[in-house]
Amino acid sequence: MNNMGDIGAKFEWDTAFCGRYFSITPNKGFLPANDSIKFDVAFHPDVVEDISFNIRCVVDNSIPLALQLSGRGV
């Protein structure tokens, strides 16, 4: 994620409903102005089926960002 603005912003991923299968690191934090951050997404299924979620990242003073996560447990 890039913050190309003049002001830093807090962010937080809404993973409450998909945390059993996916985790994102860092889950929340602060992104300074004119900086960027990379996220690690981990998939840890405990079932053998297709799993898909649309999650969002709430960012201060911005519309939420969307991310589609999908995987298949084997």
PDB file of N, CA and C in Angstrom:
ATOM      1  N   MET A   1       0.854  -1.149   0.000  1.00  0.00           N
ATOM      2  CA  MET A   1       0.000   0.000   0.000  1.00  0.00           C
ATOM      3  C   MET A   1       0.906   1.219   0.000  1.00  0.00           C
ATOM      4  N   ASN A   2       0.545   2.213  -0.805  1.00  0.00           N
ATOM      5  CA  ASN A   2       1.302   3.462  -0.886  1.00  0.00           C
ATOM      6  C   ASN A   2       0.478   4.604  -0.322  1.00  0.00           C
ATOM      7  N   ASN A   3       1.130   5.475   0.415  1.00  0.00           N
ATOM      8  CA  ASN A   3       0.511   6.701   0.881  1.00  0.00           C
ATOM      9  C   ASN A   3       1.206   7.843   0.159  1.00  0.00           C
ATOM     10  N   MET A   4       0.577   8.322  -0.901  1.00  0.00           N
ATOM     11  CA  MET A   4       1.184   9.380  -1.694  1.00  0.00           C
ATOM     12  C   MET A   4       0.739  10.767  -1.236  1.00  0.00           C
ATOM     13  N   GLY A   5       0.039  10.815  -0.094  1.00  0.00           N
ATOM     14  CA  GLY A   5      -0.456  12.085   0.414  1.00  0.00           C
ATOM     15  C   GLY A   5       0.537  12.780   1.326  1.00  0.00           C
ATOM     16  N   ASP A   6       0.100  13.925   1.834  1.00  0.00           N
ATOM     17  CA  ASP A   6       0.942  14.745   2.713  1.00  0.00           C
ATOM     18  C   ASP A   6       0.788  14.380   4.186  1.00  0.00           C
ATOM     19  N   ILE A   7      -0.186  13.539   4.506  1.00  0.00           N
ATOM     20  CA  ILE A   7      -0.510  13.228   5.890  1.00  0.00           C
ATOM     21  C   ILE A   7      -0.473  11.710   6.084  1.00  0.00           C
ATOM     22  N   GLY A   8       0.108  11.276   7.192  1.00  0.00           N
ATOM     23  CA  GLY A   8       0.100   9.858   7.525  1.00  0.00           C
ATOM     24  C   GLY A   8      -1.307   9.392   7.849  1.00  0.00           C
ATOM     25  N   ALA A   9      -1.527   8.089   7.814  1.00  0.00           N
ATOM     26  CA  ALA A   9      -2.867   7.556   8.067  1.00  0.00           C
ATOM     27  C   ALA A   9      -2.783   6.216   8.788  1.00  0.00           C
ATOM     28  N   LYS A  10      -3.716   6.004   9.703  1.00  0.00           N
ATOM     29  CA  LYS A  10      -3.867   4.713  10.354  1.00  0.00           C
ATOM     30  C   LYS A  10      -4.614   3.783   9.405  1.00  0.00           C
ATOM     31  N   PHE A  11      -4.316   2.497   9.495  1.00  0.00           N
ATOM     32  CA  PHE A  11      -5.038   1.501   8.705  1.00  0.00           C
ATOM     33  C   PHE A  11      -5.322   0.294   9.587  1.00  0.00           C
ATOM     34  N   GLU A  12      -6.372  -0.449   9.230  1.00  0.00           N
ATOM     35  CA  GLU A  12      -6.689  -1.697   9.929  1.00  0.00           C
ATOM     36  C   GLU A  12      -7.475  -2.608   9.002  1.00  0.00           C
ATOM     37  N   TRP A  13      -6.985  -3.844   8.847  1.00  0.00           N
ATOM     38  CA  TRP A  13      -7.674  -4.852   8.056  1.00  0.00           C
ATOM     39  C   TRP A  13      -8.805  -5.449   8.870  1.00  0.00           C
ATOM     40  N   ASP A  14      -9.958  -5.622   8.253  1.00  0.00           N
ATOM     41  CA  ASP A  14     -11.118  -6.241   8.900  1.00  0.00           C
ATOM     42  C   ASP A  14     -11.097  -7.733   8.570  1.00  0.00           C
ATOM     43  N   THR A  15     -10.433  -8.513   9.414  1.00  0.00           N
ATOM     44  CA  THR A  15     -10.297  -9.950   9.179  1.00  0.00           C
ATOM     45  C   THR A  15     -11.078 -10.774  10.197  1.00  0.00           C
ATOM     46  N   ALA A  16     -11.998 -10.153  10.913  1.00  0.00           N
ATOM     47  CA  ALA A  16     -12.725 -10.849  11.977  1.00  0.00           C
ATOM     48  C   ALA A  16     -13.449 -12.093  11.472  1.00  0.00           C
ATOM     49  N   PHE A  17     -14.032 -12.031  10.309  1.00  0.00           N
ATOM     50  CA  PHE A  17     -14.836 -13.148   9.806  1.00  0.00           C
ATOM     51  C   PHE A  17     -14.028 -14.168   9.009  1.00  0.00           C
ATOM     52  N   CYS A  18     -12.798 -13.865   8.635  1.00  0.00           N
ATOM     53  CA  CYS A  18     -12.005 -14.817   7.845  1.00  0.00           C
ATOM     54  C   CYS A  18     -10.722 -15.232   8.563  1.00  0.00           C
ATOM     55  N   GLY A  19     -10.540 -14.813   9.809  1.00  0.00           N
ATOM     56  CA  GLY A  19      -9.309 -15.079  10.555  1.00  0.00           C
ATOM     57  C   GLY A  19      -9.013 -16.549  10.768  1.00  0.00           C
ATOM     58  N   ARG A  20     -10.036 -17.381  10.651  1.00  0.00           N
ATOM     59  CA  ARG A  20      -9.817 -18.830  10.784  1.00  0.00           C
ATOM     60  C   ARG A  20      -8.959 -19.364   9.630  1.00  0.00           C
ATOM     61  N   TYR A  21      -9.042 -18.717   8.462  1.00  0.00           N
ATOM     62  CA  TYR A  21      -8.377 -19.197   7.260  1.00  0.00           C
ATOM     63  C   TYR A  21      -7.236 -18.312   6.759  1.00  0.00           C
ATOM     64  N   PHE A  22      -7.330 -17.017   6.996  1.00  0.00           N
ATOM     65  CA  PHE A  22      -6.334 -16.071   6.484  1.00  0.00           C
ATOM     66  C   PHE A  22      -5.870 -15.143   7.599  1.00  0.00           C
ATOM     67  N   SER A  23      -4.617 -14.732   7.522  1.00  0.00           N
ATOM     68  CA  SER A  23      -4.117 -13.691   8.412  1.00  0.00           C
ATOM     69  C   SER A  23      -3.277 -12.722   7.583  1.00  0.00           C
ATOM     70  N   ILE A  24      -3.271 -11.472   8.009  1.00  0.00           N
ATOM     71  CA  ILE A  24      -2.513 -10.421   7.326  1.00  0.00           C
ATOM     72  C   ILE A  24      -1.609  -9.749   8.349  1.00  0.00           C
ATOM     73  N   THR A  25      -0.344  -9.592   7.971  1.00  0.00           N
ATOM     74  CA  THR A  25       0.624  -8.951   8.856  1.00  0.00           C
ATOM     75  C   THR A  25       1.285  -7.803   8.117  1.00  0.00           C
ATOM     76  N   PRO A  26       1.330  -6.612   8.663  1.00  0.00           N
ATOM     77  CA  PRO A  26       0.676  -6.197   9.893  1.00  0.00           C
ATOM     78  C   PRO A  26      -0.828  -6.016   9.676  1.00  0.00           C
ATOM     79  N   ASN A  27      -1.600  -6.320  10.702  1.00  0.00           N
ATOM     80  CA  ASN A  27      -3.050  -6.218  10.629  1.00  0.00           C
ATOM     81  C   ASN A  27      -3.523  -4.775  10.786  1.00  0.00           C
ATOM     82  N   LYS A  28      -2.757  -3.981  11.515  1.00  0.00           N
ATOM     83  CA  LYS A  28      -3.086  -2.567  11.676  1.00  0.00           C
ATOM     84  C   LYS A  28      -1.806  -1.807  11.956  1.00  0.00           C
ATOM     85  N   GLY A  29      -1.891  -0.502  11.756  1.00  0.00           N
ATOM     86  CA  GLY A  29      -0.709   0.313  11.998  1.00  0.00           C
ATOM     87  C   GLY A  29      -0.875   1.715  11.459  1.00  0.00           C
ATOM     88  N   PHE A  30       0.249   2.360  11.252  1.00  0.00           N
ATOM     89  CA  PHE A  30       0.287   3.737  10.777  1.00  0.00           C
ATOM     90  C   PHE A  30       1.225   3.801   9.581  1.00  0.00           C
ATOM     91  N   LEU A  31       0.763   4.427   8.519  1.00  0.00           N
ATOM     92  CA  LEU A  31       1.568   4.597   7.308  1.00  0.00           C
ATOM     93  C   LEU A  31       1.894   6.082   7.152  1.00  0.00           C
ATOM     94  N   PRO A  32       3.173   6.453   7.314  1.00  0.00           N
ATOM     95  CA  PRO A  32       3.555   7.859   7.188  1.00  0.00           C
ATOM     96  C   PRO A  32       3.311   8.404   5.778  1.00  0.00           C
ATOM     97  N   ALA A  33       3.265   9.707   5.681  1.00  0.00           N
ATOM     98  CA  ALA A  33       3.108  10.372   4.382  1.00  0.00           C
ATOM     99  C   ALA A  33       4.255   9.977   3.451  1.00  0.00           C
ATOM    100  N   ASN A  34       3.932   9.824   2.181  1.00  0.00           N
ATOM    101  CA  ASN A  34       4.923   9.494   1.147  1.00  0.00           C
ATOM    102  C   ASN A  34       5.732   8.241   1.455  1.00  0.00           C
ATOM    103  N   ASP A  35       5.068   7.251   2.016  1.00  0.00           N
ATOM    104  CA  ASP A  35       5.733   6.000   2.360  1.00  0.00           C
ATOM    105  C   ASP A  35       4.888   4.837   1.840  1.00  0.00           C
ATOM    106  N   SER A  36       5.413   3.643   1.934  1.00  0.00           N
ATOM    107  CA  SER A  36       4.668   2.462   1.494  1.00  0.00           C
ATOM    108  C   SER A  36       4.900   1.328   2.487  1.00  0.00           C
ATOM    109  N   ILE A  37       4.036   0.317   2.394  1.00  0.00           N
ATOM    110  CA  ILE A  37       4.135  -0.841   3.271  1.00  0.00           C
ATOM    111  C   ILE A  37       3.722  -2.076   2.481  1.00  0.00           C
ATOM    112  N   LYS A  38       4.368  -3.190   2.777  1.00  0.00           N
ATOM    113  CA  LYS A  38       4.002  -4.467   2.171  1.00  0.00           C
ATOM    114  C   LYS A  38       3.321  -5.316   3.240  1.00  0.00           C
ATOM    115  N   PHE A  39       2.350  -6.102   2.805  1.00  0.00           N
ATOM    116  CA  PHE A  39       1.610  -6.966   3.709  1.00  0.00           C
ATOM    117  C   PHE A  39       1.890  -8.421   3.368  1.00  0.00           C
ATOM    118  N   ASP A  40       2.000  -9.257   4.378  1.00  0.00           N
ATOM    119  CA  ASP A  40       2.103 -10.700   4.199  1.00  0.00           C
ATOM    120  C   ASP A  40       0.736 -11.304   4.481  1.00  0.00           C
ATOM    121  N   VAL A  41       0.221 -12.060   3.510  1.00  0.00           N
ATOM    122  CA  VAL A  41      -1.053 -12.748   3.674  1.00  0.00           C
ATOM    123  C   VAL A  41      -0.757 -14.236   3.793  1.00  0.00           C
ATOM    124  N   ALA A  42      -1.228 -14.851   4.878  1.00  0.00           N
ATOM    125  CA  ALA A  42      -1.017 -16.281   5.105  1.00  0.00           C
ATOM    126  C   ALA A  42      -2.352 -17.009   5.015  1.00  0.00           C
ATOM    127  N   PHE A  43      -2.320 -18.176   4.395  1.00  0.00           N
ATOM    128  CA  PHE A  43      -3.496 -19.035   4.247  1.00  0.00           C
ATOM    129  C   PHE A  43      -3.273 -20.268   5.106  1.00  0.00           C
ATOM    130  N   HIS A  44      -4.190 -20.522   6.039  1.00  0.00           N
ATOM    131  CA  HIS A  44      -4.049 -21.662   6.935  1.00  0.00           C
ATOM    132  C   HIS A  44      -5.402 -22.360   7.089  1.00  0.00           C
ATOM    133  N   PRO A  45      -5.788 -23.133   6.051  1.00  0.00           N
ATOM    134  CA  PRO A  45      -7.082 -23.810   6.067  1.00  0.00           C
ATOM    135  C   PRO A  45      -7.080 -25.022   6.987  1.00  0.00           C
ATOM    136  N   ASP A  46      -8.262 -25.371   7.473  1.00  0.00           N
ATOM    137  CA  ASP A  46      -8.420 -26.597   8.244  1.00  0.00           C
ATOM    138  C   ASP A  46      -9.543 -27.468   7.669  1.00  0.00           C
ATOM    139  N   VAL A  47      -9.933 -27.158   6.428  1.00  0.00           N
ATOM    140  CA  VAL A  47     -10.958 -27.917   5.712  1.00  0.00           C
ATOM    141  C   VAL A  47     -10.492 -28.124   4.271  1.00  0.00           C
ATOM    142  N   VAL A  48     -11.064 -29.142   3.616  1.00  0.00           N
ATOM    143  CA  VAL A  48     -10.741 -29.407   2.214  1.00  0.00           C
ATOM    144  C   VAL A  48     -11.893 -28.875   1.372  1.00  0.00           C
ATOM    145  N   GLU A  49     -11.775 -27.612   0.979  1.00  0.00           N
ATOM    146  CA  GLU A  49     -12.790 -26.957   0.155  1.00  0.00           C
ATOM    147  C   GLU A  49     -12.253 -25.623  -0.332  1.00  0.00           C
ATOM    148  N   ASP A  50     -12.974 -25.026  -1.286  1.00  0.00           N
ATOM    149  CA  ASP A  50     -12.623 -23.688  -1.760  1.00  0.00           C
ATOM    150  C   ASP A  50     -13.032 -22.671  -0.705  1.00  0.00           C
ATOM    151  N   ILE A  51     -12.157 -21.722  -0.459  1.00  0.00           N
ATOM    152  CA  ILE A  51     -12.409 -20.693   0.548  1.00  0.00           C
ATOM    153  C   ILE A  51     -12.146 -19.346  -0.107  1.00  0.00           C
ATOM    154  N   SER A  52     -13.096 -18.433   0.010  1.00  0.00           N
ATOM    155  CA  SER A  52     -12.953 -17.118  -0.610  1.00  0.00           C
ATOM    156  C   SER A  52     -13.616 -16.059   0.258  1.00  0.00           C
ATOM    157  N   PHE A  53     -12.953 -14.942   0.415  1.00  0.00           N
ATOM    158  CA  PHE A  53     -13.476 -13.816   1.190  1.00  0.00           C
ATOM    159  C   PHE A  53     -13.095 -12.518   0.501  1.00  0.00           C
ATOM    160  N   ASN A  54     -13.959 -11.547   0.586  1.00  0.00           N
ATOM    161  CA  ASN A  54     -13.645 -10.173   0.225  1.00  0.00           C
ATOM    162  C   ASN A  54     -13.472  -9.428   1.537  1.00  0.00           C
ATOM    163  N   ILE A  55     -12.293  -8.884   1.744  1.00  0.00           N
ATOM    164  CA  ILE A  55     -12.060  -8.155   2.986  1.00  0.00           C
ATOM    165  C   ILE A  55     -11.734  -6.708   2.652  1.00  0.00           C
ATOM    166  N   ARG A  56     -11.743  -5.884   3.692  1.00  0.00           N
ATOM    167  CA  ARG A  56     -11.449  -4.473   3.456  1.00  0.00           C
ATOM    168  C   ARG A  56     -10.442  -3.965   4.469  1.00  0.00           C
ATOM    169  N   CYS A  57      -9.755  -2.942   4.051  1.00  0.00           N
ATOM    170  CA  CYS A  57      -8.807  -2.252   4.908  1.00  0.00           C
ATOM    171  C   CYS A  57      -9.355  -0.851   5.134  1.00  0.00           C
ATOM    172  N   VAL A  58      -9.640  -0.540   6.381  1.00  0.00           N
ATOM    173  CA  VAL A  58     -10.150   0.781   6.733  1.00  0.00           C
ATOM    174  C   VAL A  58      -8.952   1.713   6.900  1.00  0.00           C
ATOM    175  N   VAL A  59      -8.949   2.810   6.159  1.00  0.00           N
ATOM    176  CA  VAL A  59      -7.859   3.776   6.176  1.00  0.00           C
ATOM    177  C   VAL A  59      -8.434   5.131   6.590  1.00  0.00           C
ATOM    178  N   ASP A  60      -7.790   5.791   7.547  1.00  0.00           N
ATOM    179  CA  ASP A  60      -8.249   7.119   7.987  1.00  0.00           C
ATOM    180  C   ASP A  60      -8.444   8.060   6.800  1.00  0.00           C
ATOM    181  N   ASN A  61      -9.550   8.769   6.801  1.00  0.00           N
ATOM    182  CA  ASN A  61      -9.844   9.809   5.810  1.00  0.00           C
ATOM    183  C   ASN A  61      -9.798   9.313   4.374  1.00  0.00           C
ATOM    184  N   SER A  62     -10.207   8.070   4.152  1.00  0.00           N
ATOM    185  CA  SER A  62     -10.212   7.498   2.813  1.00  0.00           C
ATOM    186  C   SER A  62     -11.305   6.441   2.721  1.00  0.00           C
ATOM    187  N   ILE A  63     -11.676   6.108   1.504  1.00  0.00           N
ATOM    188  CA  ILE A  63     -12.619   5.008   1.352  1.00  0.00           C
ATOM    189  C   ILE A  63     -11.868   3.706   1.638  1.00  0.00           C
ATOM    190  N   PRO A  64     -12.558   2.679   2.168  1.00  0.00           N
ATOM    191  CA  PRO A  64     -11.883   1.410   2.459  1.00  0.00           C
ATOM    192  C   PRO A  64     -11.313   0.777   1.192  1.00  0.00           C
ATOM    193  N   LEU A  65     -10.180   0.123   1.336  1.00  0.00           N
ATOM    194  CA  LEU A  65      -9.564  -0.615   0.237  1.00  0.00           C
ATOM    195  C   LEU A  65     -10.077  -2.047   0.280  1.00  0.00           C
ATOM    196  N   ALA A  66     -10.241  -2.668  -0.867  1.00  0.00           N
ATOM    197  CA  ALA A  66     -10.769  -4.035  -0.934  1.00  0.00           C
ATOM    198  C   ALA A  66      -9.689  -5.009  -1.386  1.00  0.00           C
ATOM    199  N   LEU A  67      -9.782  -6.233  -0.875  1.00  0.00           N
ATOM    200  CA  LEU A  67      -8.868  -7.293  -1.264  1.00  0.00           C
ATOM    201  C   LEU A  67      -9.648  -8.603  -1.276  1.00  0.00           C
ATOM    202  N   GLN A  68      -9.521  -9.349  -2.373  1.00  0.00           N
ATOM    203  CA  GLN A  68     -10.171 -10.650  -2.459  1.00  0.00           C
ATOM    204  C   GLN A  68      -9.148 -11.725  -2.149  1.00  0.00           C
ATOM    205  N   LEU A  69      -9.484 -12.581  -1.182  1.00  0.00           N
ATOM    206  CA  LEU A  69      -8.626 -13.680  -0.782  1.00  0.00           C
ATOM    207  C   LEU A  69      -9.299 -14.990  -1.178  1.00  0.00           C
ATOM    208  N   SER A  70      -8.549 -15.901  -1.763  1.00  0.00           N
ATOM    209  CA  SER A  70      -9.126 -17.206  -2.087  1.00  0.00           C
ATOM    210  C   SER A  70      -8.037 -18.268  -2.021  1.00  0.00           C
ATOM    211  N   GLY A  71      -8.461 -19.465  -1.696  1.00  0.00           N
ATOM    212  CA  GLY A  71      -7.544 -20.592  -1.607  1.00  0.00           C
ATOM    213  C   GLY A  71      -8.330 -21.880  -1.556  1.00  0.00           C
ATOM    214  N   ARG A  72      -7.623 -22.985  -1.581  1.00  0.00           N
ATOM    215  CA  ARG A  72      -8.275 -24.292  -1.500  1.00  0.00           C
ATOM    216  C   ARG A  72      -7.461 -25.165  -0.549  1.00  0.00           C
ATOM    217  N   GLY A  73      -8.142 -25.652   0.480  1.00  0.00           N
ATOM    218  CA  GLY A  73      -7.499 -26.583   1.394  1.00  0.00           C
ATOM    219  C   GLY A  73      -7.403 -27.954   0.738  1.00  0.00           C
ATOM    220  N   VAL A  74      -6.277 -28.627   0.930  1.00  0.00           N
ATOM    221  CA  VAL A  74      -6.098 -29.975   0.367  1.00  0.00           C
ATOM    222  C   VAL A  74      -5.660 -30.942   1.452  1.00  0.00           C
TER     223      VAL A  74
END
